[in-house]
């Protein structure tokens, strides 16, 4: 089995540990060493039977080992900041896919993806690096999801949707076919996107409408 650490000891980190355990129940693949987290009060604590090994200095101290990692940070901008901190370390990023996920053989995955249970990913989709897809999501054919994006529970993306870099889609959000969500935009929970969304925009409602714009990540 390959040694793996989970970057981030929050809620998503605990869920990723569960995901790894469920992958191992299907086929032994990963040995969880513990969490990496910068929070001082979490150091050396044990969370759901997995220890917080330390902060990013742990990678330096273990640079000669073959270590795999997965970034369990939901917010795309926070995820980007954390990934930037890992750039100088010898890390292999894993992509974790729950055994019951329906994945077409023509789907392309990047690295450091988290694909949770009961999701369906259709034909000729492209999923970038550092993407997380929570349980129950449906991804239509020819859809593109770019780096650092996060889809929360039960998001539905229809065919030919383009989710640009760093987007955050709330639970039960829906994007109709052939629509684009611009980089670093946020789609509120339950929103229905019926037209293209510009970059750095937060939208809510049915149909989804902008409520604010933010600065680039």
Protein backbone atom coordinates (compact mmCIF):
# COMPACT_ATOMS: atom_id res chain seq x y z
CA UNK A 1 0.00 0.00 0.00
CA UNK A 2 1.09 3.58 -0.64
CA UNK A 3 1.59 6.03 2.23
CA UNK A 4 -0.69 9.06 2.05
CA UNK A 5 -1.21 12.20 4.12
CA UNK A 6 -4.30 14.40 4.12
CA UNK A 7 -3.62 18.13 3.92
CA UNK A 8 -6.24 19.78 6.09
CA UNK A 9 -7.66 18.33 9.30
CA UNK A 10 -11.09 19.95 9.08
CA UNK A 11 -14.44 18.51 8.08
CA UNK A 12 -13.44 17.69 4.51
CA UNK A 13 -10.23 16.11 5.80
CA UNK A 14 -12.21 13.74 7.98
CA UNK A 15 -14.48 12.93 5.04
CA UNK A 16 -11.44 12.20 2.86
CA UNK A 17 -10.16 9.80 5.52
CA UNK A 18 -13.53 8.05 5.32
CA UNK A 19 -13.27 8.01 1.51
CA UNK A 20 -9.83 6.39 1.70
CA UNK A 21 -11.11 3.76 4.13
CA UNK A 22 -13.97 2.95 1.74
CA UNK A 23 -11.54 2.69 -1.19
CA UNK A 24 -9.40 0.32 0.90
CA UNK A 25 -12.45 -1.78 1.78
CA UNK A 26 -12.91 -2.38 -1.95
CA UNK A 27 -9.19 -2.77 -2.75
CA UNK A 28 -6.26 -2.22 -0.41
CA UNK A 29 -4.41 0.79 -1.80
CA UNK A 30 -3.61 3.48 0.79
CA UNK A 31 -1.98 3.68 4.22
CA UNK A 32 -3.08 6.87 5.97
CA UNK A 33 -0.15 8.35 7.89
CA UNK A 34 -2.21 11.24 9.25
CA UNK A 35 -3.02 14.90 8.61
CA UNK A 36 -0.90 17.92 7.76
CA UNK A 37 -2.37 21.11 9.19
CA UNK A 38 -0.97 24.56 9.99
CA UNK A 39 -3.30 25.15 12.96
CA UNK A 40 -1.11 25.25 16.13
CA UNK A 41 -3.69 23.76 18.49
CA UNK A 42 -4.21 20.73 16.24
CA UNK A 43 -0.57 19.63 16.29
CA UNK A 44 -0.11 16.02 17.47
CA UNK A 45 -3.80 15.64 18.26
CA UNK A 46 -5.66 12.54 17.12
CA UNK A 47 -8.77 13.05 15.00
CA UNK A 48 -10.93 10.00 14.28
CA UNK A 49 -7.94 7.71 14.90
CA UNK A 50 -5.61 9.68 12.61
CA UNK A 51 -2.85 11.86 14.06
CA UNK A 52 -2.04 15.41 12.99
CA UNK A 53 1.57 14.84 12.00
CA UNK A 54 2.58 18.50 11.91
CA UNK A 55 2.66 21.50 9.59
CA UNK A 56 4.26 21.72 6.15
CA UNK A 57 7.72 21.30 7.68
CA UNK A 58 6.80 17.63 8.01
CA UNK A 59 7.28 17.28 4.24
CA UNK A 60 10.81 18.67 4.51
CA UNK A 61 11.66 16.24 7.30
CA UNK A 62 10.35 13.34 5.21
CA UNK A 63 11.62 14.46 1.81
CA UNK A 64 13.45 11.19 1.15
CA UNK A 65 10.29 9.10 1.51
CA UNK A 66 7.78 8.44 -1.26
CA UNK A 67 4.75 10.24 0.11
CA UNK A 68 1.40 10.77 -1.53
CA UNK A 69 -0.93 13.57 -0.48
CA UNK A 70 -4.40 14.89 -1.11
CA UNK A 71 -5.54 18.45 -0.38
CA UNK A 72 -8.76 18.36 1.63
CA UNK A 73 -9.63 22.06 1.48
CA UNK A 74 -13.06 22.99 0.14
CA UNK A 75 -12.86 26.75 -0.45
CA UNK A 76 -11.08 27.23 -3.81
CA UNK A 77 -9.08 30.32 -2.82
CA UNK A 78 -7.92 28.70 0.42
CA UNK A 79 -7.08 25.56 -1.57
CA UNK A 80 -4.94 27.59 -3.98
CA UNK A 81 -3.06 29.21 -1.08
CA UNK A 82 -2.39 25.82 0.52
CA UNK A 83 -1.21 24.26 -2.75
CA UNK A 84 1.15 27.20 -3.30
CA UNK A 85 2.75 26.42 0.07
CA UNK A 86 3.50 22.86 -1.04
CA UNK A 87 5.34 23.86 -4.22
CA UNK A 88 8.84 23.34 -2.81
CA UNK A 89 8.25 19.88 -1.38
CA UNK A 90 8.57 16.41 -2.84
CA UNK A 91 4.90 15.42 -2.97
CA UNK A 92 2.98 13.04 -5.21
CA UNK A 93 -0.65 14.14 -5.40
CA UNK A 94 -3.24 11.37 -5.49
CA UNK A 95 -6.64 11.35 -7.16
CA UNK A 96 -9.21 9.51 -5.01
CA UNK A 97 -12.39 8.12 -6.58
CA UNK A 98 -14.99 6.29 -4.52
CA UNK A 99 -15.59 2.73 -5.79
CA UNK A 100 -19.29 3.34 -6.45
CA UNK A 101 -18.77 6.42 -8.63
CA UNK A 102 -19.89 5.87 -12.22
CA UNK A 103 -17.03 7.05 -14.43
CA UNK A 104 -16.86 6.71 -18.19
CA UNK A 105 -13.57 5.45 -19.63
CA UNK A 106 -13.30 8.59 -21.75
CA UNK A 107 -13.25 10.90 -18.73
CA UNK A 108 -9.96 12.73 -18.13
CA UNK A 109 -8.82 13.42 -14.56
CA UNK A 110 -6.01 15.66 -13.37
CA UNK A 111 -4.16 15.09 -10.11
CA UNK A 112 -5.29 15.73 -6.52
CA UNK A 113 -8.97 15.20 -7.28
CA UNK A 114 -11.48 14.04 -4.67
CA UNK A 115 -14.51 12.28 -6.16
CA UNK A 116 -16.98 11.21 -3.49
CA UNK A 117 -19.65 8.51 -3.42
CA UNK A 118 -22.79 8.26 -5.55
CA UNK A 119 -21.62 10.68 -8.23
CA UNK A 120 -22.08 10.13 -11.96
CA UNK A 121 -19.54 11.42 -14.47
CA UNK A 122 -20.58 11.11 -18.10
CA UNK A 123 -18.69 10.71 -21.36
CA UNK A 124 -15.83 12.90 -22.60
CA UNK A 125 -15.66 15.08 -19.50
CA UNK A 126 -12.44 16.77 -18.44
CA UNK A 127 -11.67 17.40 -14.78
CA UNK A 128 -8.60 19.45 -13.86
CA UNK A 129 -6.20 19.41 -10.91
CA UNK A 130 -7.17 19.95 -7.25
CA UNK A 131 -10.89 19.51 -7.96
CA UNK A 132 -13.28 18.17 -5.32
CA UNK A 133 -16.68 16.67 -6.13
CA UNK A 134 -18.84 15.90 -3.12
CA UNK A 135 -21.40 13.06 -2.90
CA UNK A 136 -24.34 12.79 -5.27
CA UNK A 137 -23.13 15.05 -8.07
CA UNK A 138 -24.06 14.55 -11.72
CA UNK A 139 -21.64 15.69 -14.43
CA UNK A 140 -22.99 15.74 -17.99
CA UNK A 141 -21.21 14.83 -21.22
CA UNK A 142 -18.42 17.04 -22.60
CA UNK A 143 -18.32 19.14 -19.45
CA UNK A 144 -15.06 20.77 -18.36
CA UNK A 145 -14.22 21.51 -14.71
CA UNK A 146 -11.00 23.48 -14.34
CA UNK A 147 -8.39 23.50 -11.54
CA UNK A 148 -9.21 24.28 -7.88
CA UNK A 149 -12.98 24.11 -8.34
CA UNK A 150 -15.22 22.57 -5.68
CA UNK A 151 -18.67 21.07 -6.17
CA UNK A 152 -20.62 20.51 -2.97
CA UNK A 153 -23.37 17.93 -2.38
CA UNK A 154 -25.79 17.06 -5.21
CA UNK A 155 -24.60 19.58 -7.80
CA UNK A 156 -25.90 18.94 -11.34
CA UNK A 157 -23.92 20.06 -14.39
CA UNK A 158 -25.65 19.44 -17.70
CA UNK A 159 -23.87 18.61 -20.94
CA UNK A 160 -21.24 20.94 -22.43
CA UNK A 161 -20.93 23.05 -19.28
CA UNK A 162 -17.64 24.85 -18.65
CA UNK A 163 -16.66 25.50 -15.04
CA UNK A 164 -13.60 27.76 -15.10
CA UNK A 165 -10.74 27.86 -12.60
CA UNK A 166 -11.49 28.17 -8.90
CA UNK A 167 -15.28 28.02 -8.93
CA UNK A 168 -17.36 27.04 -5.90
CA UNK A 169 -20.79 25.48 -6.47
CA UNK A 170 -23.12 25.15 -3.48
CA UNK A 171 -25.24 22.12 -2.70
CA UNK A 172 -28.00 21.34 -5.24
CA UNK A 173 -26.84 24.04 -7.65
CA UNK A 174 -27.78 23.34 -11.27
CA UNK A 175 -26.15 24.57 -14.47
CA UNK A 176 -28.14 24.07 -17.68
CA UNK A 177 -26.44 22.90 -20.91
CA UNK A 178 -23.78 24.93 -22.72
CA UNK A 179 -23.27 27.51 -19.99
CA UNK A 180 -19.95 28.84 -18.66
CA UNK A 181 -19.18 29.84 -15.09
CA UNK A 182 -16.27 32.30 -15.02
CA UNK A 183 -13.12 31.86 -12.95
CA UNK A 184 -13.34 32.22 -9.15
CA UNK A 185 -17.11 32.62 -9.18
CA UNK A 186 -19.48 31.20 -6.57
CA UNK A 187 -22.85 29.62 -7.28
CA UNK A 188 -25.10 29.65 -4.23
CA UNK A 189 -26.82 26.56 -2.88
CA UNK A 190 -29.90 25.65 -4.90
CA UNK A 191 -29.22 28.22 -7.61
CA UNK A 192 -30.09 27.45 -11.23
CA UNK A 193 -27.67 28.89 -13.76
CA UNK A 194 -29.46 29.64 -17.06
CA UNK A 195 -26.97 32.09 -18.56
CA UNK A 196 -23.19 32.51 -18.56
CA UNK A 197 -21.71 33.78 -15.28
CA UNK A 198 -18.81 36.27 -15.38
CA UNK A 199 -15.59 35.81 -13.45
CA UNK A 200 -15.29 36.75 -9.75
CA UNK A 201 -19.06 36.80 -9.30
CA UNK A 202 -21.41 35.39 -6.66
CA UNK A 203 -24.87 34.39 -7.89
CA UNK A 204 -27.92 33.05 -6.08
CA UNK A 205 -31.52 32.20 -6.82
CA UNK A 206 -33.71 30.69 -9.52
CA UNK A 207 -32.71 31.79 -12.06
CA UNK A 208 -29.28 32.66 -10.66
CA UNK A 209 -28.54 36.39 -10.48
CA UNK A 210 -25.37 38.23 -9.37
CA UNK A 211 -25.33 39.69 -5.87
CA UNK A 212 -21.67 40.75 -5.67
CA UNK A 213 -18.29 40.77 -7.39
CA UNK A 214 -14.97 40.08 -5.72
CA UNK A 215 -11.28 40.51 -6.44
CA UNK A 216 -9.28 37.87 -8.26
CA UNK A 217 -7.74 35.12 -6.11
